[in-house]
Amino acid sequence: MNKGIAGCLLLLMVGLLASCSSDHIMHMRDGSTVVVEGKPHLDKASRMLVYTDATGRTQAVNLDEVKGMSRLKN
C-alpha cells in the first residue's frame, strides 16, 4: 500500500511541475518567430540565449538577434 501511495504522489508531483512550465515565443529582429518550450536561459559568458525548440532540440541564438519574448497562452 505504501508503494502505491508513493507512486501516486510521485506522478502528481511530476504532473504539477510539468504544468508549471509554459511555452514562450521569441520575436526575432528579422521578423521571424520561434516557439520555445519552457523559458530560455541566458549564457552570460557568450551572450547566447539557450532554449529548447518545439521539436525538442536544444538551440542557441545571439541575444542581439532577439527583439522580444512573450508567453504563449495555452
PDB file of N, CA and C in Angstrom:
ATOM      1  N   MET A   1       0.822  -1.200   0.000  1.00  0.00           N
ATOM      2  CA  MET A   1       0.000   0.000   0.000  1.00  0.00           C
ATOM      3  C   MET A   1       0.870   1.269   0.000  1.00  0.00           C
ATOM      4  N   ASN A   2       1.949   1.268   0.751  1.00  0.00           N
ATOM      5  CA  ASN A   2       2.814   2.439   0.823  1.00  0.00           C
ATOM      6  C   ASN A   2       3.479   2.727  -0.514  1.00  0.00           C
ATOM      7  N   LYS A   3       3.856   1.669  -1.260  1.00  0.00           N
ATOM      8  CA  LYS A   3       4.465   1.877  -2.574  1.00  0.00           C
ATOM      9  C   LYS A   3       3.463   2.495  -3.541  1.00  0.00           C
ATOM     10  N   GLY A   4       2.204   2.107  -3.438  1.00  0.00           N
ATOM     11  CA  GLY A   4       1.166   2.666  -4.305  1.00  0.00           C
ATOM     12  C   GLY A   4       0.942   4.147  -4.031  1.00  0.00           C
ATOM     13  N   ILE A   5       0.920   4.501  -2.764  1.00  0.00           N
ATOM     14  CA  ILE A   5       0.731   5.904  -2.391  1.00  0.00           C
ATOM     15  C   ILE A   5       1.935   6.734  -2.826  1.00  0.00           C
ATOM     16  N   ALA A   6       3.146   6.190  -2.604  1.00  0.00           N
ATOM     17  CA  ALA A   6       4.347   6.909  -3.010  1.00  0.00           C
ATOM     18  C   ALA A   6       4.377   7.095  -4.521  1.00  0.00           C
ATOM     19  N   GLY A   7       3.959   6.073  -5.275  1.00  0.00           N
ATOM     20  CA  GLY A   7       3.913   6.187  -6.735  1.00  0.00           C
ATOM     21  C   GLY A   7       2.930   7.241  -7.196  1.00  0.00           C
ATOM     22  N   CYS A   8       1.763   7.287  -6.556  1.00  0.00           N
ATOM     23  CA  CYS A   8       0.757   8.298  -6.904  1.00  0.00           C
ATOM     24  C   CYS A   8       1.251   9.703  -6.600  1.00  0.00           C
ATOM     25  N   LEU A   9       1.911   9.853  -5.446  1.00  0.00           N
ATOM     26  CA  LEU A   9       2.447  11.167  -5.096  1.00  0.00           C
ATOM     27  C   LEU A   9       3.525  11.607  -6.069  1.00  0.00           C
ATOM     28  N   LEU A  10       4.374  10.662  -6.486  1.00  0.00           N
ATOM     29  CA  LEU A  10       5.421  10.981  -7.452  1.00  0.00           C
ATOM     30  C   LEU A  10       4.813  11.432  -8.778  1.00  0.00           C
ATOM     31  N   LEU A  11       3.813  10.722  -9.255  1.00  0.00           N
ATOM     32  CA  LEU A  11       3.148  11.113 -10.503  1.00  0.00           C
ATOM     33  C   LEU A  11       2.481  12.473 -10.379  1.00  0.00           C
ATOM     34  N   LEU A  12       1.877  12.740  -9.240  1.00  0.00           N
ATOM     35  CA  LEU A  12       1.231  14.030  -9.015  1.00  0.00           C
ATOM     36  C   LEU A  12       2.253  15.163  -9.036  1.00  0.00           C
ATOM     37  N   MET A  13       3.407  14.953  -8.397  1.00  0.00           N
ATOM     38  CA  MET A  13       4.442  15.984  -8.362  1.00  0.00           C
ATOM     39  C   MET A  13       5.006  16.249  -9.749  1.00  0.00           C
ATOM     40  N   VAL A  14       5.246  15.186 -10.517  1.00  0.00           N
ATOM     41  CA  VAL A  14       5.764  15.359 -11.876  1.00  0.00           C
ATOM     42  C   VAL A  14       4.749  16.105 -12.728  1.00  0.00           C
ATOM     43  N   GLY A  15       3.477  15.772 -12.587  1.00  0.00           N
ATOM     44  CA  GLY A  15       2.427  16.463 -13.338  1.00  0.00           C
ATOM     45  C   GLY A  15       2.342  17.930 -12.994  1.00  0.00           C
ATOM     46  N   LEU A  16       2.475  18.246 -11.716  1.00  0.00           N
ATOM     47  CA  LEU A  16       2.428  19.656 -11.303  1.00  0.00           C
ATOM     48  C   LEU A  16       3.625  20.426 -11.828  1.00  0.00           C
ATOM     49  N   LEU A  17       4.805  19.820 -11.779  1.00  0.00           N
ATOM     50  CA  LEU A  17       5.991  20.504 -12.294  1.00  0.00           C
ATOM     51  C   LEU A  17       5.904  20.711 -13.801  1.00  0.00           C
ATOM     52  N   ALA A  18       5.396  19.729 -14.506  1.00  0.00           N
ATOM     53  CA  ALA A  18       5.282  19.851 -15.963  1.00  0.00           C
ATOM     54  C   ALA A  18       4.272  20.915 -16.339  1.00  0.00           C
ATOM     55  N   SER A  19       3.218  21.065 -15.563  1.00  0.00           N
ATOM     56  CA  SER A  19       2.201  22.053 -15.905  1.00  0.00           C
ATOM     57  C   SER A  19       2.664  23.471 -15.596  1.00  0.00           C
ATOM     58  N   CYS A  20       3.677  23.636 -14.761  1.00  0.00           N
ATOM     59  CA  CYS A  20       4.164  24.969 -14.412  1.00  0.00           C
ATOM     60  C   CYS A  20       4.994  25.594 -15.526  1.00  0.00           C
ATOM     61  N   SER A  21       5.593  24.776 -16.344  1.00  0.00           N
ATOM     62  CA  SER A  21       6.426  25.345 -17.398  1.00  0.00           C
ATOM     63  C   SER A  21       5.548  25.751 -18.573  1.00  0.00           C
ATOM     64  N   SER A  22       5.631  27.002 -18.942  1.00  0.00           N
ATOM     65  CA  SER A  22       4.828  27.488 -20.054  1.00  0.00           C
ATOM     66  C   SER A  22       5.741  27.815 -21.229  1.00  0.00           C
ATOM     67  N   ASP A  23       5.207  27.645 -22.407  1.00  0.00           N
ATOM     68  CA  ASP A  23       5.980  27.910 -23.616  1.00  0.00           C
ATOM     69  C   ASP A  23       6.055  29.412 -23.871  1.00  0.00           C
ATOM     70  N   HIS A  24       7.068  29.820 -24.593  1.00  0.00           N
ATOM     71  CA  HIS A  24       7.283  31.224 -24.924  1.00  0.00           C
ATOM     72  C   HIS A  24       7.451  31.370 -26.435  1.00  0.00           C
ATOM     73  N   ILE A  25       7.279  32.577 -26.912  1.00  0.00           N
ATOM     74  CA  ILE A  25       7.529  32.914 -28.312  1.00  0.00           C
ATOM     75  C   ILE A  25       8.614  33.977 -28.337  1.00  0.00           C
ATOM     76  N   MET A  26       9.689  33.698 -29.073  1.00  0.00           N
ATOM     77  CA  MET A  26      10.744  34.687 -29.257  1.00  0.00           C
ATOM     78  C   MET A  26      10.485  35.414 -30.565  1.00  0.00           C
ATOM     79  N   HIS A  27      10.481  36.723 -30.499  1.00  0.00           N
ATOM     80  CA  HIS A  27      10.314  37.569 -31.683  1.00  0.00           C
ATOM     81  C   HIS A  27      11.710  38.037 -32.092  1.00  0.00           C
ATOM     82  N   MET A  28      12.114  37.664 -33.294  1.00  0.00           N
ATOM     83  CA  MET A  28      13.461  37.959 -33.762  1.00  0.00           C
ATOM     84  C   MET A  28      13.490  39.291 -34.511  1.00  0.00           C
ATOM     85  N   ARG A  29      14.643  39.897 -34.582  1.00  0.00           N
ATOM     86  CA  ARG A  29      14.800  41.191 -35.268  1.00  0.00           C
ATOM     87  C   ARG A  29      14.530  41.096 -36.770  1.00  0.00           C
ATOM     88  N   ASP A  30      14.700  39.910 -37.368  1.00  0.00           N
ATOM     89  CA  ASP A  30      14.445  39.753 -38.802  1.00  0.00           C
ATOM     90  C   ASP A  30      12.959  39.534 -39.113  1.00  0.00           C
ATOM     91  N   GLY A  31      12.107  39.566 -38.076  1.00  0.00           N
ATOM     92  CA  GLY A  31      10.661  39.430 -38.268  1.00  0.00           C
ATOM     93  C   GLY A  31      10.130  38.022 -38.041  1.00  0.00           C
ATOM     94  N   SER A  32      11.009  37.053 -37.867  1.00  0.00           N
ATOM     95  CA  SER A  32      10.554  35.681 -37.641  1.00  0.00           C
ATOM     96  C   SER A  32      10.205  35.476 -36.166  1.00  0.00           C
ATOM     97  N   THR A  33       9.508  34.375 -35.892  1.00  0.00           N
ATOM     98  CA  THR A  33       9.179  33.994 -34.531  1.00  0.00           C
ATOM     99  C   THR A  33       9.604  32.554 -34.291  1.00  0.00           C
ATOM    100  N   VAL A  34       9.949  32.247 -33.051  1.00  0.00           N
ATOM    101  CA  VAL A  34      10.381  30.909 -32.672  1.00  0.00           C
ATOM    102  C   VAL A  34       9.586  30.498 -31.436  1.00  0.00           C
ATOM    103  N   VAL A  35       8.942  29.322 -31.488  1.00  0.00           N
ATOM    104  CA  VAL A  35       8.235  28.783 -30.321  1.00  0.00           C
ATOM    105  C   VAL A  35       9.247  28.040 -29.470  1.00  0.00           C
ATOM    106  N   VAL A  36       9.277  28.370 -28.182  1.00  0.00           N
ATOM    107  CA  VAL A  36      10.260  27.835 -27.249  1.00  0.00           C
ATOM    108  C   VAL A  36       9.535  27.050 -26.161  1.00  0.00           C
ATOM    109  N   GLU A  37      10.012  25.833 -25.879  1.00  0.00           N
ATOM    110  CA  GLU A  37       9.453  25.053 -24.775  1.00  0.00           C
ATOM    111  C   GLU A  37      10.042  25.560 -23.474  1.00  0.00           C
ATOM    112  N   GLY A  38       9.201  25.923 -22.537  1.00  0.00           N
ATOM    113  CA  GLY A  38       9.680  26.445 -21.260  1.00  0.00           C
ATOM    114  C   GLY A  38      10.241  27.843 -21.434  1.00  0.00           C
ATOM    115  N   LYS A  39      11.105  28.231 -20.520  1.00  0.00           N
ATOM    116  CA  LYS A  39      11.710  29.558 -20.574  1.00  0.00           C
ATOM    117  C   LYS A  39      13.187  29.429 -20.915  1.00  0.00           C
ATOM    118  N   PRO A  40      13.664  30.161 -21.910  1.00  0.00           N
ATOM    119  CA  PRO A  40      15.086  30.092 -22.258  1.00  0.00           C
ATOM    120  C   PRO A  40      15.955  30.681 -21.157  1.00  0.00           C
ATOM    121  N   HIS A  41      17.214  30.303 -21.145  1.00  0.00           N
ATOM    122  CA  HIS A  41      18.144  30.889 -20.179  1.00  0.00           C
ATOM    123  C   HIS A  41      19.328  31.509 -20.912  1.00  0.00           C
ATOM    124  N   LEU A  42      19.895  32.517 -20.291  1.00  0.00           N
ATOM    125  CA  LEU A  42      20.984  33.283 -20.889  1.00  0.00           C
ATOM    126  C   LEU A  42      22.324  32.742 -20.424  1.00  0.00           C
ATOM    127  N   ASP A  43      23.200  32.421 -21.372  1.00  0.00           N
ATOM    128  CA  ASP A  43      24.589  32.081 -21.084  1.00  0.00           C
ATOM    129  C   ASP A  43      25.344  33.408 -21.088  1.00  0.00           C
ATOM    130  N   LYS A  44      25.630  33.914 -19.898  1.00  0.00           N
ATOM    131  CA  LYS A  44      26.219  35.248 -19.774  1.00  0.00           C
ATOM    132  C   LYS A  44      27.596  35.356 -20.425  1.00  0.00           C
ATOM    133  N   ALA A  45      28.363  34.293 -20.388  1.00  0.00           N
ATOM    134  CA  ALA A  45      29.712  34.329 -20.946  1.00  0.00           C
ATOM    135  C   ALA A  45      29.695  34.563 -22.451  1.00  0.00           C
ATOM    136  N   SER A  46      28.769  33.901 -23.150  1.00  0.00           N
ATOM    137  CA  SER A  46      28.732  34.021 -24.611  1.00  0.00           C
ATOM    138  C   SER A  46      27.618  34.943 -25.111  1.00  0.00           C
ATOM    139  N   ARG A  47      26.771  35.439 -24.213  1.00  0.00           N
ATOM    140  CA  ARG A  47      25.604  36.270 -24.556  1.00  0.00           C
ATOM    141  C   ARG A  47      24.685  35.543 -25.543  1.00  0.00           C
ATOM    142  N   MET A  48      24.563  34.231 -25.344  1.00  0.00           N
ATOM    143  CA  MET A  48      23.677  33.414 -26.172  1.00  0.00           C
ATOM    144  C   MET A  48      22.465  33.016 -25.339  1.00  0.00           C
ATOM    145  N   LEU A  49      21.303  33.057 -25.960  1.00  0.00           N
ATOM    146  CA  LEU A  49      20.069  32.622 -25.333  1.00  0.00           C
ATOM    147  C   LEU A  49      19.867  31.158 -25.712  1.00  0.00           C
ATOM    148  N   VAL A  50      19.888  30.275 -24.733  1.00  0.00           N
ATOM    149  CA  VAL A  50      19.789  28.832 -24.951  1.00  0.00           C
ATOM    150  C   VAL A  50      18.351  28.414 -24.681  1.00  0.00           C
ATOM    151  N   TYR A  51      17.772  27.655 -25.607  1.00  0.00           N
ATOM    152  CA  TYR A  51      16.370  27.259 -25.487  1.00  0.00           C
ATOM    153  C   TYR A  51      16.150  25.895 -26.130  1.00  0.00           C
ATOM    154  N   THR A  52      14.994  25.314 -25.845  1.00  0.00           N
ATOM    155  CA  THR A  52      14.570  24.078 -26.492  1.00  0.00           C
ATOM    156  C   THR A  52      13.441  24.433 -27.443  1.00  0.00           C
ATOM    157  N   ASP A  53      13.607  24.090 -28.724  1.00  0.00           N
ATOM    158  CA  ASP A  53      12.582  24.456 -29.706  1.00  0.00           C
ATOM    159  C   ASP A  53      11.397  23.494 -29.655  1.00  0.00           C
ATOM    160  N   ALA A  54      10.417  23.725 -30.497  1.00  0.00           N
ATOM    161  CA  ALA A  54       9.178  22.947 -30.478  1.00  0.00           C
ATOM    162  C   ALA A  54       9.402  21.480 -30.827  1.00  0.00           C
ATOM    163  N   THR A  55      10.512  21.151 -31.490  1.00  0.00           N
ATOM    164  CA  THR A  55      10.790  19.759 -31.831  1.00  0.00           C
ATOM    165  C   THR A  55      11.621  19.059 -30.758  1.00  0.00           C
ATOM    166  N   GLY A  56      11.991  19.785 -29.688  1.00  0.00           N
ATOM    167  CA  GLY A  56      12.740  19.192 -28.589  1.00  0.00           C
ATOM    168  C   GLY A  56      14.240  19.323 -28.701  1.00  0.00           C
ATOM    169  N   ARG A  57      14.730  20.032 -29.718  1.00  0.00           N
ATOM    170  CA  ARG A  57      16.175  20.210 -29.886  1.00  0.00           C
ATOM    171  C   ARG A  57      16.651  21.444 -29.135  1.00  0.00           C
ATOM    172  N   THR A  58      17.824  21.344 -28.526  1.00  0.00           N
ATOM    173  CA  THR A  58      18.421  22.491 -27.837  1.00  0.00           C
ATOM    174  C   THR A  58      19.084  23.388 -28.865  1.00  0.00           C
ATOM    175  N   GLN A  59      18.770  24.672 -28.815  1.00  0.00           N
ATOM    176  CA  GLN A  59      19.295  25.663 -29.755  1.00  0.00           C
ATOM    177  C   GLN A  59      19.875  26.833 -28.973  1.00  0.00           C
ATOM    178  N   ALA A  60      20.630  27.660 -29.640  1.00  0.00           N
ATOM    179  CA  ALA A  60      21.164  28.884 -29.044  1.00  0.00           C
ATOM    180  C   ALA A  60      21.135  29.983 -30.094  1.00  0.00           C
ATOM    181  N   VAL A  61      20.853  31.195 -29.650  1.00  0.00           N
ATOM    182  CA  VAL A  61      20.810  32.337 -30.547  1.00  0.00           C
ATOM    183  C   VAL A  61      21.464  33.520 -29.835  1.00  0.00           C
ATOM    184  N   ASN A  62      22.135  34.352 -30.593  1.00  0.00           N
ATOM    185  CA  ASN A  62      22.766  35.542 -30.036  1.00  0.00           C
ATOM    186  C   ASN A  62      21.688  36.457 -29.473  1.00  0.00           C
ATOM    187  N   LEU A  63      21.913  36.961 -28.284  1.00  0.00           N
ATOM    188  CA  LEU A  63      20.928  37.813 -27.611  1.00  0.00           C
ATOM    189  C   LEU A  63      20.599  39.054 -28.434  1.00  0.00           C
ATOM    190  N   ASP A  64      21.550  39.559 -29.212  1.00  0.00           N
ATOM    191  CA  ASP A  64      21.328  40.756 -30.012  1.00  0.00           C
ATOM    192  C   ASP A  64      20.318  40.526 -31.143  1.00  0.00           C
ATOM    193  N   GLU A  65      20.081  39.253 -31.504  1.00  0.00           N
ATOM    194  CA  GLU A  65      19.131  38.935 -32.571  1.00  0.00           C
ATOM    195  C   GLU A  65      17.688  38.856 -32.083  1.00  0.00           C
ATOM    196  N   VAL A  66      17.483  38.861 -30.767  1.00  0.00           N
ATOM    197  CA  VAL A  66      16.141  38.727 -30.197  1.00  0.00           C
ATOM    198  C   VAL A  66      15.558  40.115 -29.948  1.00  0.00           C
ATOM    199  N   LYS A  67      14.388  40.348 -30.510  1.00  0.00           N
ATOM    200  CA  LYS A  67      13.709  41.638 -30.332  1.00  0.00           C
ATOM    201  C   LYS A  67      12.881  41.642 -29.043  1.00  0.00           C
ATOM    202  N   GLY A  68      12.240  40.513 -28.743  1.00  0.00           N
ATOM    203  CA  GLY A  68      11.420  40.419 -27.548  1.00  0.00           C
ATOM    204  C   GLY A  68      10.927  38.993 -27.359  1.00  0.00           C
ATOM    205  N   MET A  69      10.211  38.814 -26.248  1.00  0.00           N
ATOM    206  CA  MET A  69       9.703  37.484 -25.939  1.00  0.00           C
ATOM    207  C   MET A  69       8.374  37.636 -25.204  1.00  0.00           C
ATOM    208  N   SER A  70       7.457  36.710 -25.485  1.00  0.00           N
ATOM    209  CA  SER A  70       6.186  36.723 -24.778  1.00  0.00           C
ATOM    210  C   SER A  70       5.785  35.297 -24.456  1.00  0.00           C
ATOM    211  N   ARG A  71       4.929  35.161 -23.448  1.00  0.00           N
ATOM    212  CA  ARG A  71       4.467  33.843 -23.047  1.00  0.00           C
ATOM    213  C   ARG A  71       3.346  33.395 -23.968  1.00  0.00           C
ATOM    214  N   LEU A  72       3.397  32.142 -24.372  1.00  0.00           N
ATOM    215  CA  LEU A  72       2.379  31.561 -25.226  1.00  0.00           C
ATOM    216  C   LEU A  72       1.221  31.134 -24.339  1.00  0.00           C
ATOM    217  N   LYS A  73       0.032  31.624 -24.626  1.00  0.00           N
ATOM    218  CA  LYS A  73      -1.130  31.280 -23.827  1.00  0.00           C
ATOM    219  C   LYS A  73      -1.659  29.928 -24.277  1.00  0.00           C
ATOM    220  N   ASN A  74      -1.733  28.994 -23.335  1.00  0.00           N
ATOM    221  CA  ASN A  74      -2.175  27.637 -23.656  1.00  0.00           C
ATOM    222  C   ASN A  74      -3.663  27.509 -23.497  1.00  0.00           C
TER     223      ASN A  74
END
